[in-house]
């Protein structure tokens, strides 16, 4: 699993006008090729009357799934420019569809490449990009006498306190960066004079803006 990666924040839509043609970018997260294709199919259904619905997606830890589709535009003038924007922004698990309603003025190959690239780039910026960081969930069980100290120390530490479960002991639910789990365990052990029970939960991605 990657320590961190960038992807689109949410599903979003953004429209620009170029030489009377409407270019509407639709951006979404897709963690599989099936999800990407479903999103593309849905946009095509919603904009079935559009002149073109061009698309591209980039999926996988090593960008192993890459597809670009010109949907009737001259070869290489629509899907590839969209895909290049995804690569330039270093995004993963992201799909973009750019819908075009022709406005009567032909743009030429160079103009199309610039238009589709601009639409994809502005659409992604408008939708928002986040970094997802691989985090290790840690459970720290302590006697209730430690609650105040741990709460104060954790709120001033570079770790994420997700909550506290008040059972027979206080169980702190904490997220730390996956590569900092060993250092966290040592810090917590020293902080509690070895009186804390520390266990690992699962790995998951949390998002940073």
Foldseek 3Di string as FASTA:
>chain_A
DDQKAKAFPAWFWDWDADPQKIKIKTKHFAADVVRQVVVLVVVCVVPVVFPAWWKWAFYDPVSPDIDTGPRPDPPPQARVLLRVLCVVVRHYRMMMIITIHDRPDDQPSVRSSVVNNVNNNVGRVVRHMKMWGKKWKKKKWAAPVCVVVVVVVVVVDPKAFPDWDDDNTIITIIIDRPVCPVVVVVVVCVSVVNRIDMDIDDMDIDIDD
